[in-house]
Every structure is written in C-alpha cells, then in structure tokens.
Amino acid sequence: MPRLLVAALKEWREARGRGPMNEIQVSLLIDRIDRTLDTLISREVRRIEAGLGVLAVTATASPFIGLFGTVWGIMHAFSSIATAKSTSLPTVAPAISEALFATAMGLAAAIPAYIAYNKFSLDASKLTGRLETFADELTAAVTRKLGERMTDRAA
C-alpha cells in the first residue's frame, strides 16, 4: 500500500508543480492517478500469484501420477501371478505393495499442494481486495481534496 500512496502523491505533486488546474486538468489528474494505481495493483497481483500455477498443477496431476503407479503395480502383480502360476500372497505382495506406495506418494504430493494452493489463493484474493479498496479510498480522497480546491478558487 505504501507504493500506491507514493505513486498517487507523485502524480499529485507533478500536477501541482505546473500551477493552478482547471476542471479538465483535475479530471485528467484523477484519471492518471486511477490508472497508475490500477497498474500497480495488477503488477502486485501478478507477483503474488506467480507460484500458484505450480501448486495447482501439483495438486491436480499428482493423484493421476499415483493412479498410474497403482495401475502399473497391479499389472506387475498380474504378471507375477502369470509367471509363478500362483496367486499366493508372496507372489502378489511385492507388486501390490509397490502399487499402494505409488498411490500414497501421489496423495502425499497432492494433498499439501491442494491445501497450500487454496490458502495462498485465498490470501492473494484478500490482499487484492484490500489493495483495490485502498486505491478507491485514495482516489476518493484526492478527488475530494481537488474538489475543495476548485470550490475555494471559484469563491
């Protein structure tokens, strides 16, 4: 938020440095401040959300990778049954164990990534809302102040 305030004050000071402003110049200043604040908010949101894509991909892809490992392990179990011509536990246990391990690894990656994605996404949304509210309040304050100056000058 300090960056937003500094940017708005910079636009304000530059405009004041040029001397008294008419209504059109005041309107243009308010538009410039508003665009500057919107640009800064957009940059900040992009920076904050930069890592969310990796978390989203991890959260959605990991269960499928685990499922692939499960299918591979079950296929290995059937292959062991065919080779040994036996369905005994010692024949299928290693392959079933591998399948369950692959499932567990997929879930071990997906669950924390899903939780982290949701937390960071919610935090980013909250921050974006706070930044936009601050920018709106700042623009309103500048508009009010400029309106007062125009009224004082007209009187």
C-alpha atoms as a PDB file:
ATOM      1  CA  MET A   1       0.000   0.000   0.000  1.00  0.00           C
ATOM      2  CA  PRO A   2       2.852   2.422   0.542  1.00  0.00           C
ATOM      3  CA  ARG A   3       3.757   2.085  -3.153  1.00  0.00           C
ATOM      4  CA  LEU A   4       0.222   3.059  -4.100  1.00  0.00           C
ATOM      5  CA  LEU A   5       0.344   6.115  -1.879  1.00  0.00           C
ATOM      6  CA  VAL A   6       3.773   7.163  -3.166  1.00  0.00           C
ATOM      7  CA  ALA A   7       2.647   6.808  -6.796  1.00  0.00           C
ATOM      8  CA  ALA A   8      -0.520   8.843  -6.187  1.00  0.00           C
ATOM      9  CA  LEU A   9       1.422  11.542  -4.351  1.00  0.00           C
ATOM     10  CA  LYS A  10       3.952  11.720  -7.186  1.00  0.00           C
ATOM     11  CA  GLU A  11       1.173  12.351  -9.732  1.00  0.00           C
ATOM     12  CA  TRP A  12      -0.401  14.917  -7.372  1.00  0.00           C
ATOM     13  CA  ARG A  13       2.890  16.797  -6.835  1.00  0.00           C
ATOM     14  CA  GLU A  14       3.729  16.852 -10.533  1.00  0.00           C
ATOM     15  CA  ALA A  15       0.312  18.314 -11.325  1.00  0.00           C
ATOM     16  CA  ARG A  16       0.543  20.893  -8.542  1.00  0.00           C
ATOM     17  CA  GLY A  17       4.015  21.877  -9.709  1.00  0.00           C
ATOM     18  CA  ARG A  18       2.547  23.030 -13.012  1.00  0.00           C
ATOM     19  CA  GLY A  19       0.371  25.617 -11.285  1.00  0.00           C
ATOM     20  CA  PRO A  20      -3.380  26.026 -10.804  1.00  0.00           C
ATOM     21  CA  MET A  21      -5.563  23.454 -12.550  1.00  0.00           C
ATOM     22  CA  ASN A  22      -8.851  23.843 -14.361  1.00  0.00           C
ATOM     23  CA  GLU A  23     -11.637  21.237 -14.230  1.00  0.00           C
ATOM     24  CA  ILE A  24     -10.310  19.310 -17.220  1.00  0.00           C
ATOM     25  CA  GLN A  25      -6.820  19.112 -15.738  1.00  0.00           C
ATOM     26  CA  VAL A  26      -8.279  17.952 -12.416  1.00  0.00           C
ATOM     27  CA  SER A  27     -10.262  15.256 -14.214  1.00  0.00           C
ATOM     28  CA  LEU A  28      -7.163  14.150 -16.137  1.00  0.00           C
ATOM     29  CA  LEU A  29      -5.135  14.033 -12.912  1.00  0.00           C
ATOM     30  CA  ILE A  30      -7.733  11.841 -11.236  1.00  0.00           C
ATOM     31  CA  ASP A  31      -7.740   9.532 -14.275  1.00  0.00           C
ATOM     32  CA  ARG A  32      -3.921   9.360 -14.224  1.00  0.00           C
ATOM     33  CA  ILE A  33      -3.889   8.530 -10.530  1.00  0.00           C
ATOM     34  CA  ASP A  34      -6.571   5.878 -11.020  1.00  0.00           C
ATOM     35  CA  ARG A  35      -4.685   4.252 -13.937  1.00  0.00           C
ATOM     36  CA  THR A  36      -1.407   4.374 -12.005  1.00  0.00           C
ATOM     37  CA  LEU A  37      -2.996   2.665  -9.008  1.00  0.00           C
ATOM     38  CA  ASP A  38      -4.646   0.022 -11.220  1.00  0.00           C
ATOM     39  CA  THR A  39      -1.312  -0.708 -12.906  1.00  0.00           C
ATOM     40  CA  LEU A  40       0.494  -1.084  -9.586  1.00  0.00           C
ATOM     41  CA  ILE A  41      -2.229  -3.374  -8.255  1.00  0.00           C
ATOM     42  CA  SER A  42      -2.059  -5.540 -11.389  1.00  0.00           C
ATOM     43  CA  ARG A  43       1.710  -5.905 -11.060  1.00  0.00           C
ATOM     44  CA  GLU A  44       1.452  -6.774  -7.389  1.00  0.00           C
ATOM     45  CA  VAL A  45      -1.259  -9.366  -8.007  1.00  0.00           C
ATOM     46  CA  ARG A  46       0.813 -10.998 -10.784  1.00  0.00           C
ATOM     47  CA  ARG A  47       3.812 -11.128  -8.439  1.00  0.00           C
ATOM     48  CA  ILE A  48       1.796 -12.631  -5.607  1.00  0.00           C
ATOM     49  CA  GLU A  49       0.077 -15.230  -7.789  1.00  0.00           C
ATOM     50  CA  ALA A  50       3.254 -16.246  -9.644  1.00  0.00           C
ATOM     51  CA  GLY A  51       3.761 -19.559  -7.807  1.00  0.00           C
ATOM     52  CA  LEU A  52       0.124 -20.611  -7.695  1.00  0.00           C
ATOM     53  CA  GLY A  53       0.318 -22.361 -11.068  1.00  0.00           C
ATOM     54  CA  VAL A  54       2.915 -24.850  -9.836  1.00  0.00           C
ATOM     55  CA  LEU A  55       0.796 -25.666  -6.797  1.00  0.00           C
ATOM     56  CA  ALA A  56      -2.309 -26.079  -8.952  1.00  0.00           C
ATOM     57  CA  VAL A  57      -0.547 -28.441 -11.368  1.00  0.00           C
ATOM     58  CA  THR A  58       0.956 -30.443  -8.496  1.00  0.00           C
ATOM     59  CA  ALA A  59      -2.409 -30.706  -6.743  1.00  0.00           C
ATOM     60  CA  THR A  60      -4.226 -31.865  -9.854  1.00  0.00           C
ATOM     61  CA  ALA A  61      -1.568 -34.037 -11.521  1.00  0.00           C
ATOM     62  CA  SER A  62      -0.181 -35.922  -8.513  1.00  0.00           C
ATOM     63  CA  PRO A  63      -3.232 -38.128  -7.926  1.00  0.00           C
ATOM     64  CA  PHE A  64      -3.110 -39.196 -11.586  1.00  0.00           C
ATOM     65  CA  ILE A  65       0.580 -39.991 -11.334  1.00  0.00           C
ATOM     66  CA  GLY A  66      -0.190 -42.023  -8.207  1.00  0.00           C
ATOM     67  CA  LEU A  67      -3.038 -43.750 -10.032  1.00  0.00           C
ATOM     68  CA  PHE A  68      -0.706 -44.585 -12.909  1.00  0.00           C
ATOM     69  CA  GLY A  69       1.701 -46.128 -10.385  1.00  0.00           C
ATOM     70  CA  THR A  70      -1.178 -48.095  -8.886  1.00  0.00           C
ATOM     71  CA  VAL A  71      -2.222 -49.459 -12.275  1.00  0.00           C
ATOM     72  CA  TRP A  72       1.399 -50.283 -13.087  1.00  0.00           C
ATOM     73  CA  GLY A  73       1.798 -52.119  -9.771  1.00  0.00           C
ATOM     74  CA  ILE A  74      -1.420 -54.115 -10.291  1.00  0.00           C
ATOM     75  CA  MET A  75      -0.276 -55.032 -13.807  1.00  0.00           C
ATOM     76  CA  HIS A  76       3.012 -56.156 -12.275  1.00  0.00           C
ATOM     77  CA  ALA A  77       1.034 -58.250  -9.750  1.00  0.00           C
ATOM     78  CA  PHE A  78      -0.891 -59.967 -12.571  1.00  0.00           C
ATOM     79  CA  SER A  79       2.366 -60.557 -14.403  1.00  0.00           C
ATOM     80  CA  SER A  80       3.801 -62.165 -11.243  1.00  0.00           C
ATOM     81  CA  ILE A  81       0.725 -64.379 -10.964  1.00  0.00           C
ATOM     82  CA  ALA A  82       1.116 -65.461 -14.579  1.00  0.00           C
ATOM     83  CA  THR A  83       4.827 -66.143 -14.206  1.00  0.00           C
ATOM     84  CA  ALA A  84       4.519 -68.051 -10.908  1.00  0.00           C
ATOM     85  CA  LYS A  85       1.179 -69.641 -11.837  1.00  0.00           C
ATOM     86  CA  SER A  86       0.186 -68.956  -8.251  1.00  0.00           C
ATOM     87  CA  THR A  87      -1.998 -66.410  -6.515  1.00  0.00           C
ATOM     88  CA  SER A  88      -0.297 -66.785  -3.165  1.00  0.00           C
ATOM     89  CA  LEU A  89       0.460 -63.747  -1.054  1.00  0.00           C
ATOM     90  CA  PRO A  90       4.252 -63.961  -1.541  1.00  0.00           C
ATOM     91  CA  THR A  91       3.675 -63.826  -5.301  1.00  0.00           C
ATOM     92  CA  VAL A  92       1.498 -60.709  -5.401  1.00  0.00           C
ATOM     93  CA  ALA A  93       2.524 -58.850  -2.215  1.00  0.00           C
ATOM     94  CA  PRO A  94       5.586 -57.041  -3.625  1.00  0.00           C
ATOM     95  CA  ALA A  95       3.697 -55.695  -6.639  1.00  0.00           C
ATOM     96  CA  ILE A  96       0.652 -54.722  -4.553  1.00  0.00           C
ATOM     97  CA  SER A  97       2.991 -53.008  -2.102  1.00  0.00           C
ATOM     98  CA  GLU A  98       4.553 -51.019  -4.936  1.00  0.00           C
ATOM     99  CA  ALA A  99       1.093 -50.057  -6.190  1.00  0.00           C
ATOM    100  CA  LEU A 100      -0.010 -48.836  -2.777  1.00  0.00           C
ATOM    101  CA  PHE A 101       3.266 -46.951  -2.321  1.00  0.00           C
ATOM    102  CA  ALA A 102       2.728 -45.156  -5.649  1.00  0.00           C
ATOM    103  CA  THR A 103      -0.793 -44.210  -4.570  1.00  0.00           C
ATOM    104  CA  ALA A 104       0.473 -42.915  -1.238  1.00  0.00           C
ATOM    105  CA  MET A 105       3.199 -40.822  -2.911  1.00  0.00           C
ATOM    106  CA  GLY A 106       0.700 -39.269  -5.292  1.00  0.00           C
ATOM    107  CA  LEU A 107      -1.577 -38.338  -2.404  1.00  0.00           C
ATOM    108  CA  ALA A 108       1.366 -37.163  -0.289  1.00  0.00           C
ATOM    109  CA  ALA A 109       2.198 -34.640  -3.008  1.00  0.00           C
ATOM    110  CA  ALA A 110      -1.365 -33.694  -3.934  1.00  0.00           C
ATOM    111  CA  ILE A 111      -2.894 -33.047  -0.518  1.00  0.00           C
ATOM    112  CA  PRO A 112      -0.363 -30.468   0.757  1.00  0.00           C
ATOM    113  CA  ALA A 113      -0.248 -28.802  -2.676  1.00  0.00           C
ATOM    114  CA  TYR A 114      -4.046 -28.562  -2.731  1.00  0.00           C
ATOM    115  CA  ILE A 115      -4.165 -27.089   0.781  1.00  0.00           C
ATOM    116  CA  ALA A 116      -1.334 -24.640   0.037  1.00  0.00           C
ATOM    117  CA  TYR A 117      -2.929 -23.585  -3.257  1.00  0.00           C
ATOM    118  CA  ASN A 118      -6.248 -22.853  -1.589  1.00  0.00           C
ATOM    119  CA  LYS A 119      -4.617 -20.952   1.279  1.00  0.00           C
ATOM    120  CA  PHE A 120      -2.368 -18.830  -0.936  1.00  0.00           C
ATOM    121  CA  SER A 121      -5.134 -18.234  -3.455  1.00  0.00           C
ATOM    122  CA  LEU A 122      -7.461 -17.021  -0.700  1.00  0.00           C
ATOM    123  CA  ASP A 123      -4.713 -14.833   0.767  1.00  0.00           C
ATOM    124  CA  ALA A 124      -3.995 -13.346  -2.667  1.00  0.00           C
ATOM    125  CA  SER A 125      -7.683 -12.601  -3.170  1.00  0.00           C
ATOM    126  CA  LYS A 126      -7.920 -10.904   0.210  1.00  0.00           C
ATOM    127  CA  LEU A 127      -4.825  -8.804  -0.476  1.00  0.00           C
ATOM    128  CA  THR A 128      -6.121  -7.843  -3.915  1.00  0.00           C
ATOM    129  CA  GLY A 129      -9.377  -6.724  -2.337  1.00  0.00           C
ATOM    130  CA  ARG A 130      -7.548  -4.657   0.279  1.00  0.00           C
ATOM    131  CA  LEU A 131      -5.355  -3.030  -2.370  1.00  0.00           C
ATOM    132  CA  GLU A 132      -8.345  -2.184  -4.557  1.00  0.00           C
ATOM    133  CA  THR A 133     -10.257  -0.770  -1.578  1.00  0.00           C
ATOM    134  CA  PHE A 134      -7.250   1.333  -0.580  1.00  0.00           C
ATOM    135  CA  ALA A 135      -6.859   2.598  -4.151  1.00  0.00           C
ATOM    136  CA  ASP A 136     -10.555   3.506  -4.325  1.00  0.00           C
ATOM    137  CA  GLU A 137     -10.386   5.327  -0.984  1.00  0.00           C
ATOM    138  CA  LEU A 138      -7.222   7.147  -2.028  1.00  0.00           C
ATOM    139  CA  THR A 139      -8.751   8.220  -5.330  1.00  0.00           C
ATOM    140  CA  ALA A 140     -11.856   9.417  -3.490  1.00  0.00           C
ATOM    141  CA  ALA A 141      -9.716  11.419  -1.047  1.00  0.00           C
ATOM    142  CA  VAL A 142      -7.764  13.034  -3.884  1.00  0.00           C
ATOM    143  CA  THR A 143     -10.996  13.803  -5.734  1.00  0.00           C
ATOM    144  CA  ARG A 144     -12.457  15.362  -2.602  1.00  0.00           C
ATOM    145  CA  LYS A 145      -9.341  17.458  -1.966  1.00  0.00           C
ATOM    146  CA  LEU A 146      -9.179  18.650  -5.572  1.00  0.00           C
ATOM    147  CA  GLY A 147     -12.901  19.452  -5.463  1.00  0.00           C
ATOM    148  CA  GLU A 148     -12.372  21.552  -2.351  1.00  0.00           C
ATOM    149  CA  ARG A 149      -9.544  23.454  -4.042  1.00  0.00           C
ATOM    150  CA  MET A 150     -11.655  24.099  -7.111  1.00  0.00           C
ATOM    151  CA  THR A 151     -14.543  25.330  -4.918  1.00  0.00           C
ATOM    152  CA  ASP A 152     -12.249  27.575  -2.868  1.00  0.00           C
ATOM    153  CA  ARG A 153     -10.758  29.055  -6.006  1.00  0.00           C
ATOM    154  CA  ALA A 154     -14.186  29.680  -7.556  1.00  0.00           C
ATOM    155  CA  ALA A 155     -15.420  31.502  -4.429  1.00  0.00           C
END
